[in-house]
Amino acid sequence: MRHPYRKLIQMELISLLFAMLIGFSALIAGYIIIIFLSIYLVVLSLFCDAMLLLYTRHPAEAGKQAIRGIMLLLFTTYFIFRL
């Protein structure tokens, strides 16, 4: 029997894995725009975690993760436009 939230868990883990791979390669190559892409993947992972926590009836932790994701999304977008 599969976990009911398997797709969200997979999406969270895959986005974190891609964020690590893209982030390390962007740091080595020196492309700052690609670093922002990896930060957006971390934001996607935070939102998936918030949705998982919300579905498993942990609304306080879900709210904290969602606020972290929103703040990181806003700051990253601000820094992209400031370049």
PDB file of N, CA and C in Angstrom:
ATOM      1  N   MET A   1       0.840  -1.180   0.000  1.00  0.00           N
ATOM      2  CA  MET A   1       0.000   0.000   0.000  1.00  0.00           C
ATOM      3  C   MET A   1       0.883   1.240   0.000  1.00  0.00           C
ATOM      4  N   ARG A   2       0.539   2.175  -0.843  1.00  0.00           N
ATOM      5  CA  ARG A   2       1.324   3.387  -0.965  1.00  0.00           C
ATOM      6  C   ARG A   2       0.871   4.436   0.041  1.00  0.00           C
ATOM      7  N   HIS A   3       1.830   5.319   0.366  1.00  0.00           N
ATOM      8  CA  HIS A   3       1.519   6.429   1.261  1.00  0.00           C
ATOM      9  C   HIS A   3       0.578   7.388   0.543  1.00  0.00           C
ATOM     10  N   PRO A   4      -0.429   7.930   1.228  1.00  0.00           N
ATOM     11  CA  PRO A   4      -1.403   8.794   0.544  1.00  0.00           C
ATOM     12  C   PRO A   4      -0.800  10.109   0.024  1.00  0.00           C
ATOM     13  N   TYR A   5       0.279  10.543   0.602  1.00  0.00           N
ATOM     14  CA  TYR A   5       0.889  11.810   0.167  1.00  0.00           C
ATOM     15  C   TYR A   5       2.232  11.561  -0.504  1.00  0.00           C
ATOM     16  N   ARG A   6       2.337  10.426  -1.188  1.00  0.00           N
ATOM     17  CA  ARG A   6       3.597  10.011  -1.801  1.00  0.00           C
ATOM     18  C   ARG A   6       4.090  11.021  -2.830  1.00  0.00           C
ATOM     19  N   LYS A   7       3.197  11.555  -3.633  1.00  0.00           N
ATOM     20  CA  LYS A   7       3.602  12.508  -4.676  1.00  0.00           C
ATOM     21  C   LYS A   7       4.188  13.784  -4.079  1.00  0.00           C
ATOM     22  N   LEU A   8       3.604  14.278  -2.986  1.00  0.00           N
ATOM     23  CA  LEU A   8       4.146  15.471  -2.346  1.00  0.00           C
ATOM     24  C   LEU A   8       5.525  15.207  -1.751  1.00  0.00           C
ATOM     25  N   ILE A   9       5.686  14.040  -1.153  1.00  0.00           N
ATOM     26  CA  ILE A   9       6.979  13.687  -0.570  1.00  0.00           C
ATOM     27  C   ILE A   9       8.028  13.568  -1.668  1.00  0.00           C
ATOM     28  N   GLN A  10       7.676  12.925  -2.783  1.00  0.00           N
ATOM     29  CA  GLN A  10       8.605  12.802  -3.896  1.00  0.00           C
ATOM     30  C   GLN A  10       8.961  14.157  -4.479  1.00  0.00           C
ATOM     31  N   MET A  11       7.970  15.013  -4.625  1.00  0.00           N
ATOM     32  CA  MET A  11       8.211  16.350  -5.171  1.00  0.00           C
ATOM     33  C   MET A  11       9.141  17.144  -4.275  1.00  0.00           C
ATOM     34  N   GLU A  12       8.961  17.032  -2.967  1.00  0.00           N
ATOM     35  CA  GLU A  12       9.816  17.727  -2.017  1.00  0.00           C
ATOM     36  C   GLU A  12      11.253  17.229  -2.115  1.00  0.00           C
ATOM     37  N   LEU A  13      11.442  15.925  -2.143  1.00  0.00           N
ATOM     38  CA  LEU A  13      12.787  15.365  -2.198  1.00  0.00           C
ATOM     39  C   LEU A  13      13.472  15.630  -3.533  1.00  0.00           C
ATOM     40  N   ILE A  14      12.737  15.531  -4.617  1.00  0.00           N
ATOM     41  CA  ILE A  14      13.318  15.785  -5.936  1.00  0.00           C
ATOM     42  C   ILE A  14      13.721  17.245  -6.077  1.00  0.00           C
ATOM     43  N   SER A  15      12.903  18.153  -5.589  1.00  0.00           N
ATOM     44  CA  SER A  15      13.253  19.574  -5.693  1.00  0.00           C
ATOM     45  C   SER A  15      14.478  19.895  -4.838  1.00  0.00           C
ATOM     46  N   LEU A  16      14.598  19.265  -3.662  1.00  0.00           N
ATOM     47  CA  LEU A  16      15.802  19.471  -2.850  1.00  0.00           C
ATOM     48  C   LEU A  16      17.040  18.898  -3.521  1.00  0.00           C
ATOM     49  N   LEU A  17      16.912  17.732  -4.139  1.00  0.00           N
ATOM     50  CA  LEU A  17      18.045  17.129  -4.832  1.00  0.00           C
ATOM     51  C   LEU A  17      18.491  17.999  -6.002  1.00  0.00           C
ATOM     52  N   PHE A  18      17.542  18.453  -6.814  1.00  0.00           N
ATOM     53  CA  PHE A  18      17.882  19.328  -7.933  1.00  0.00           C
ATOM     54  C   PHE A  18      18.450  20.662  -7.451  1.00  0.00           C
ATOM     55  N   ALA A  19      17.942  21.173  -6.354  1.00  0.00           N
ATOM     56  CA  ALA A  19      18.472  22.426  -5.816  1.00  0.00           C
ATOM     57  C   ALA A  19      19.926  22.259  -5.415  1.00  0.00           C
ATOM     58  N   MET A  20      20.254  21.127  -4.796  1.00  0.00           N
ATOM     59  CA  MET A  20      21.652  20.882  -4.424  1.00  0.00           C
ATOM     60  C   MET A  20      22.541  20.756  -5.653  1.00  0.00           C
ATOM     61  N   LEU A  21      22.111  19.970  -6.628  1.00  0.00           N
ATOM     62  CA  LEU A  21      22.923  19.766  -7.821  1.00  0.00           C
ATOM     63  C   LEU A  21      23.100  21.063  -8.612  1.00  0.00           C
ATOM     64  N   ILE A  22      22.022  21.761  -8.837  1.00  0.00           N
ATOM     65  CA  ILE A  22      22.086  23.008  -9.592  1.00  0.00           C
ATOM     66  C   ILE A  22      22.865  24.066  -8.817  1.00  0.00           C
ATOM     67  N   GLY A  23      22.665  24.127  -7.504  1.00  0.00           N
ATOM     68  CA  GLY A  23      23.371  25.113  -6.688  1.00  0.00           C
ATOM     69  C   GLY A  23      24.878  24.898  -6.688  1.00  0.00           C
ATOM     70  N   PHE A  24      25.305  23.652  -6.519  1.00  0.00           N
ATOM     71  CA  PHE A  24      26.743  23.379  -6.536  1.00  0.00           C
ATOM     72  C   PHE A  24      27.361  23.650  -7.896  1.00  0.00           C
ATOM     73  N   SER A  25      26.674  23.257  -8.956  1.00  0.00           N
ATOM     74  CA  SER A  25      27.224  23.513 -10.289  1.00  0.00           C
ATOM     75  C   SER A  25      27.229  25.008 -10.612  1.00  0.00           C
ATOM     76  N   ALA A  26      26.245  25.739 -10.124  1.00  0.00           N
ATOM     77  CA  ALA A  26      26.215  27.190 -10.371  1.00  0.00           C
ATOM     78  C   ALA A  26      27.299  27.899  -9.566  1.00  0.00           C
ATOM     79  N   LEU A  27      27.562  27.426  -8.359  1.00  0.00           N
ATOM     80  CA  LEU A  27      28.643  28.028  -7.578  1.00  0.00           C
ATOM     81  C   LEU A  27      30.001  27.778  -8.220  1.00  0.00           C
ATOM     82  N   ILE A  28      30.182  26.598  -8.757  1.00  0.00           N
ATOM     83  CA  ILE A  28      31.447  26.292  -9.420  1.00  0.00           C
ATOM     84  C   ILE A  28      31.588  27.090 -10.706  1.00  0.00           C
ATOM     85  N   ALA A  29      30.517  27.165 -11.493  1.00  0.00           N
ATOM     86  CA  ALA A  29      30.561  27.889 -12.761  1.00  0.00           C
ATOM     87  C   ALA A  29      30.484  29.401 -12.566  1.00  0.00           C
ATOM     88  N   GLY A  30      29.898  29.862 -11.456  1.00  0.00           N
ATOM     89  CA  GLY A  30      29.836  31.289 -11.170  1.00  0.00           C
ATOM     90  C   GLY A  30      28.638  32.009 -11.762  1.00  0.00           C
ATOM     91  N   TYR A  31      27.568  31.284 -12.065  1.00  0.00           N
ATOM     92  CA  TYR A  31      26.365  31.911 -12.610  1.00  0.00           C
ATOM     93  C   TYR A  31      25.389  32.209 -11.483  1.00  0.00           C
ATOM     94  N   ILE A  32      25.152  33.484 -11.240  1.00  0.00           N
ATOM     95  CA  ILE A  32      24.283  33.873 -10.125  1.00  0.00           C
ATOM     96  C   ILE A  32      22.802  33.637 -10.430  1.00  0.00           C
ATOM     97  N   ILE A  33      22.412  33.728 -11.684  1.00  0.00           N
ATOM     98  CA  ILE A  33      21.007  33.506 -12.044  1.00  0.00           C
ATOM     99  C   ILE A  33      20.609  32.059 -11.760  1.00  0.00           C
ATOM    100  N   ILE A  34      21.506  31.133 -12.019  1.00  0.00           N
ATOM    101  CA  ILE A  34      21.198  29.724 -11.769  1.00  0.00           C
ATOM    102  C   ILE A  34      21.133  29.453 -10.266  1.00  0.00           C
ATOM    103  N   ILE A  35      21.882  30.205  -9.485  1.00  0.00           N
ATOM    104  CA  ILE A  35      21.795  30.085  -8.032  1.00  0.00           C
ATOM    105  C   ILE A  35      20.396  30.484  -7.569  1.00  0.00           C
ATOM    106  N   PHE A  36      19.824  31.513  -8.190  1.00  0.00           N
ATOM    107  CA  PHE A  36      18.456  31.905  -7.855  1.00  0.00           C
ATOM    108  C   PHE A  36      17.463  30.800  -8.213  1.00  0.00           C
ATOM    109  N   LEU A  37      17.721  30.082  -9.291  1.00  0.00           N
ATOM    110  CA  LEU A  37      16.860  28.956  -9.653  1.00  0.00           C
ATOM    111  C   LEU A  37      16.900  27.889  -8.562  1.00  0.00           C
ATOM    112  N   SER A  38      18.074  27.627  -8.027  1.00  0.00           N
ATOM    113  CA  SER A  38      18.161  26.624  -6.960  1.00  0.00           C
ATOM    114  C   SER A  38      17.444  27.102  -5.698  1.00  0.00           C
ATOM    115  N   ILE A  39      17.465  28.397  -5.432  1.00  0.00           N
ATOM    116  CA  ILE A  39      16.729  28.919  -4.280  1.00  0.00           C
ATOM    117  C   ILE A  39      15.224  28.775  -4.502  1.00  0.00           C
ATOM    118  N   TYR A  40      14.764  28.978  -5.730  1.00  0.00           N
ATOM    119  CA  TYR A  40      13.342  28.770  -6.024  1.00  0.00           C
ATOM    120  C   TYR A  40      12.953  27.303  -5.852  1.00  0.00           C
ATOM    121  N   LEU A  41      13.862  26.385  -6.139  1.00  0.00           N
ATOM    122  CA  LEU A  41      13.575  24.971  -5.906  1.00  0.00           C
ATOM    123  C   LEU A  41      13.476  24.672  -4.411  1.00  0.00           C
ATOM    124  N   VAL A  42      14.266  25.349  -3.605  1.00  0.00           N
ATOM    125  CA  VAL A  42      14.150  25.195  -2.154  1.00  0.00           C
ATOM    126  C   VAL A  42      12.801  25.733  -1.680  1.00  0.00           C
ATOM    127  N   VAL A  43      12.346  26.832  -2.268  1.00  0.00           N
ATOM    128  CA  VAL A  43      11.030  27.384  -1.937  1.00  0.00           C
ATOM    129  C   VAL A  43       9.928  26.381  -2.284  1.00  0.00           C
ATOM    130  N   LEU A  44      10.052  25.727  -3.438  1.00  0.00           N
ATOM    131  CA  LEU A  44       9.085  24.704  -3.812  1.00  0.00           C
ATOM    132  C   LEU A  44       9.077  23.572  -2.785  1.00  0.00           C
ATOM    133  N   SER A  45      10.238  23.194  -2.317  1.00  0.00           N
ATOM    134  CA  SER A  45      10.332  22.153  -1.299  1.00  0.00           C
ATOM    135  C   SER A  45       9.669  22.592   0.006  1.00  0.00           C
ATOM    136  N   LEU A  46       9.851  23.847   0.390  1.00  0.00           N
ATOM    137  CA  LEU A  46       9.214  24.356   1.603  1.00  0.00           C
ATOM    138  C   LEU A  46       7.694  24.351   1.481  1.00  0.00           C
ATOM    139  N   PHE A  47       7.182  24.726   0.308  1.00  0.00           N
ATOM    140  CA  PHE A  47       5.735  24.716   0.114  1.00  0.00           C
ATOM    141  C   PHE A  47       5.178  23.296   0.123  1.00  0.00           C
ATOM    142  N   CYS A  48       5.910  22.347  -0.451  1.00  0.00           N
ATOM    143  CA  CYS A  48       5.465  20.945  -0.400  1.00  0.00           C
ATOM    144  C   CYS A  48       5.446  20.444   1.036  1.00  0.00           C
ATOM    145  N   ASP A  49       6.459  20.811   1.806  1.00  0.00           N
ATOM    146  CA  ASP A  49       6.493  20.411   3.210  1.00  0.00           C
ATOM    147  C   ASP A  49       5.342  21.050   3.985  1.00  0.00           C
ATOM    148  N   ALA A  50       5.029  22.292   3.683  1.00  0.00           N
ATOM    149  CA  ALA A  50       3.905  22.958   4.349  1.00  0.00           C
ATOM    150  C   ALA A  50       2.590  22.274   4.006  1.00  0.00           C
ATOM    151  N   MET A  51       2.427  21.868   2.759  1.00  0.00           N
ATOM    152  CA  MET A  51       1.203  21.173   2.382  1.00  0.00           C
ATOM    153  C   MET A  51       1.107  19.811   3.067  1.00  0.00           C
ATOM    154  N   LEU A  52       2.228  19.103   3.155  1.00  0.00           N
ATOM    155  CA  LEU A  52       2.235  17.822   3.871  1.00  0.00           C
ATOM    156  C   LEU A  52       1.852  18.006   5.329  1.00  0.00           C
ATOM    157  N   LEU A  53       2.418  19.004   5.974  1.00  0.00           N
ATOM    158  CA  LEU A  53       2.107  19.256   7.377  1.00  0.00           C
ATOM    159  C   LEU A  53       0.649  19.666   7.559  1.00  0.00           C
ATOM    160  N   LEU A  54       0.131  20.413   6.606  1.00  0.00           N
ATOM    161  CA  LEU A  54      -1.269  20.821   6.695  1.00  0.00           C
ATOM    162  C   LEU A  54      -2.209  19.622   6.539  1.00  0.00           C
ATOM    163  N   TYR A  55      -1.875  18.735   5.602  1.00  0.00           N
ATOM    164  CA  TYR A  55      -2.714  17.554   5.392  1.00  0.00           C
ATOM    165  C   TYR A  55      -2.631  16.572   6.554  1.00  0.00           C
ATOM    166  N   THR A  56      -1.499  16.561   7.273  1.00  0.00           N
ATOM    167  CA  THR A  56      -1.350  15.646   8.408  1.00  0.00           C
ATOM    168  C   THR A  56      -1.759  16.306   9.719  1.00  0.00           C
ATOM    169  N   ARG A  57      -2.468  17.402   9.637  1.00  0.00           N
ATOM    170  CA  ARG A  57      -3.058  18.095  10.778  1.00  0.00           C
ATOM    171  C   ARG A  57      -2.028  18.660  11.753  1.00  0.00           C
ATOM    172  N   HIS A  58      -1.045  19.381  11.182  1.00  0.00           N
ATOM    173  CA  HIS A  58      -0.087  20.152  11.970  1.00  0.00           C
ATOM    174  C   HIS A  58      -0.095  21.582  11.432  1.00  0.00           C
ATOM    175  N   PRO A  59      -1.174  22.331  11.703  1.00  0.00           N
ATOM    176  CA  PRO A  59      -1.316  23.644  11.057  1.00  0.00           C
ATOM    177  C   PRO A  59      -0.295  24.674  11.515  1.00  0.00           C
ATOM    178  N   ALA A  60       0.176  24.607  12.746  1.00  0.00           N
ATOM    179  CA  ALA A  60       1.153  25.597  13.209  1.00  0.00           C
ATOM    180  C   ALA A  60       2.479  25.433  12.467  1.00  0.00           C
ATOM    181  N   GLU A  61       2.941  24.192  12.337  1.00  0.00           N
ATOM    182  CA  GLU A  61       4.185  23.948  11.618  1.00  0.00           C
ATOM    183  C   GLU A  61       4.034  24.242  10.126  1.00  0.00           C
ATOM    184  N   ALA A  62       2.851  23.939   9.588  1.00  0.00           N
ATOM    185  CA  ALA A  62       2.587  24.224   8.176  1.00  0.00           C
ATOM    186  C   ALA A  62       2.620  25.728   7.923  1.00  0.00           C
ATOM    187  N   GLY A  63       2.053  26.499   8.829  1.00  0.00           N
ATOM    188  CA  GLY A  63       2.082  27.956   8.684  1.00  0.00           C
ATOM    189  C   GLY A  63       3.491  28.503   8.744  1.00  0.00           C
ATOM    190  N   LYS A  64       4.308  27.962   9.637  1.00  0.00           N
ATOM    191  CA  LYS A  64       5.696  28.420   9.730  1.00  0.00           C
ATOM    192  C   LYS A  64       6.466  28.105   8.450  1.00  0.00           C
ATOM    193  N   GLN A  65       6.269  26.910   7.907  1.00  0.00           N
ATOM    194  CA  GLN A  65       6.969  26.552   6.672  1.00  0.00           C
ATOM    195  C   GLN A  65       6.489  27.416   5.508  1.00  0.00           C
ATOM    196  N   ALA A  66       5.192  27.688   5.455  1.00  0.00           N
ATOM    197  CA  ALA A  66       4.656  28.522   4.379  1.00  0.00           C
ATOM    198  C   ALA A  66       5.189  29.949   4.478  1.00  0.00           C
ATOM    199  N   ILE A  67       5.287  30.479   5.680  1.00  0.00           N
ATOM    200  CA  ILE A  67       5.835  31.835   5.859  1.00  0.00           C
ATOM    201  C   ILE A  67       7.305  31.867   5.472  1.00  0.00           C
ATOM    202  N   ARG A  68       8.058  30.820   5.836  1.00  0.00           N
ATOM    203  CA  ARG A  68       9.469  30.749   5.420  1.00  0.00           C
ATOM    204  C   ARG A  68       9.586  30.734   3.906  1.00  0.00           C
ATOM    205  N   GLY A  69       8.727  29.954   3.257  1.00  0.00           N
ATOM    206  CA  GLY A  69       8.753  29.891   1.802  1.00  0.00           C
ATOM    207  C   GLY A  69       8.394  31.210   1.151  1.00  0.00           C
ATOM    208  N   ILE A  70       7.382  31.880   1.682  1.00  0.00           N
ATOM    209  CA  ILE A  70       6.972  33.172   1.125  1.00  0.00           C
ATOM    210  C   ILE A  70       8.065  34.216   1.304  1.00  0.00           C
ATOM    211  N   MET A  71       8.683  34.240   2.478  1.00  0.00           N
ATOM    212  CA  MET A  71       9.757  35.219   2.712  1.00  0.00           C
ATOM    213  C   MET A  71      10.943  34.959   1.789  1.00  0.00           C
ATOM    214  N   LEU A  72      11.327  33.707   1.633  1.00  0.00           N
ATOM    215  CA  LEU A  72      12.441  33.374   0.752  1.00  0.00           C
ATOM    216  C   LEU A  72      12.106  33.693  -0.698  1.00  0.00           C
ATOM    217  N   LEU A  73      10.866  33.450  -1.096  1.00  0.00           N
ATOM    218  CA  LEU A  73      10.428  33.778  -2.452  1.00  0.00           C
ATOM    219  C   LEU A  73      10.489  35.282  -2.695  1.00  0.00           C
ATOM    220  N   LEU A  74       9.994  36.060  -1.738  1.00  0.00           N
ATOM    221  CA  LEU A  74       9.996  37.514  -1.903  1.00  0.00           C
ATOM    222  C   LEU A  74      11.413  38.084  -1.918  1.00  0.00           C
ATOM    223  N   PHE A  75      12.265  37.631  -1.005  1.00  0.00           N
ATOM    224  CA  PHE A  75      13.636  38.140  -0.960  1.00  0.00           C
ATOM    225  C   PHE A  75      14.425  37.760  -2.209  1.00  0.00           C
ATOM    226  N   THR A  76      14.243  36.549  -2.687  1.00  0.00           N
ATOM    227  CA  THR A  76      14.951  36.124  -3.894  1.00  0.00           C
ATOM    228  C   THR A  76      14.489  36.918  -5.103  1.00  0.00           C
ATOM    229  N   THR A  77      13.189  37.124  -5.219  1.00  0.00           N
ATOM    230  CA  THR A  77      12.675  37.917  -6.330  1.00  0.00           C
ATOM    231  C   THR A  77      13.158  39.355  -6.250  1.00  0.00           C
ATOM    232  N   TYR A  78      13.221  39.899  -5.064  1.00  0.00           N
ATOM    233  CA  TYR A  78      13.740  41.254  -4.875  1.00  0.00           C
ATOM    234  C   TYR A  78      15.200  41.341  -5.314  1.00  0.00           C
ATOM    235  N   PHE A  79      15.997  40.360  -4.942  1.00  0.00           N
ATOM    236  CA  PHE A  79      17.403  40.392  -5.300  1.00  0.00           C
ATOM    237  C   PHE A  79      17.611  40.206  -6.809  1.00  0.00           C
ATOM    238  N   ILE A  80      16.722  39.449  -7.452  1.00  0.00           N
ATOM    239  CA  ILE A  80      16.836  39.295  -8.902  1.00  0.00           C
ATOM    240  C   ILE A  80      16.603  40.641  -9.584  1.00  0.00           C
ATOM    241  N   PHE A  81      15.611  41.386  -9.138  1.00  0.00           N
ATOM    242  CA  PHE A  81      15.323  42.673  -9.765  1.00  0.00           C
ATOM    243  C   PHE A  81      16.327  43.752  -9.384  1.00  0.00           C
ATOM    244  N   ARG A  82      17.067  43.567  -8.303  1.00  0.00           N
ATOM    245  CA  ARG A  82      18.097  44.523  -7.905  1.00  0.00           C
ATOM    246  C   ARG A  82      19.414  44.320  -8.659  1.00  0.00           C
ATOM    247  N   LEU A  83      19.550  43.170  -9.347  1.00  0.00           N
ATOM    248  CA  LEU A  83      20.777  42.931 -10.116  1.00  0.00           C
ATOM    249  C   LEU A  83      20.817  43.817 -11.277  1.00  0.00           C
TER     250      LEU A  83
END
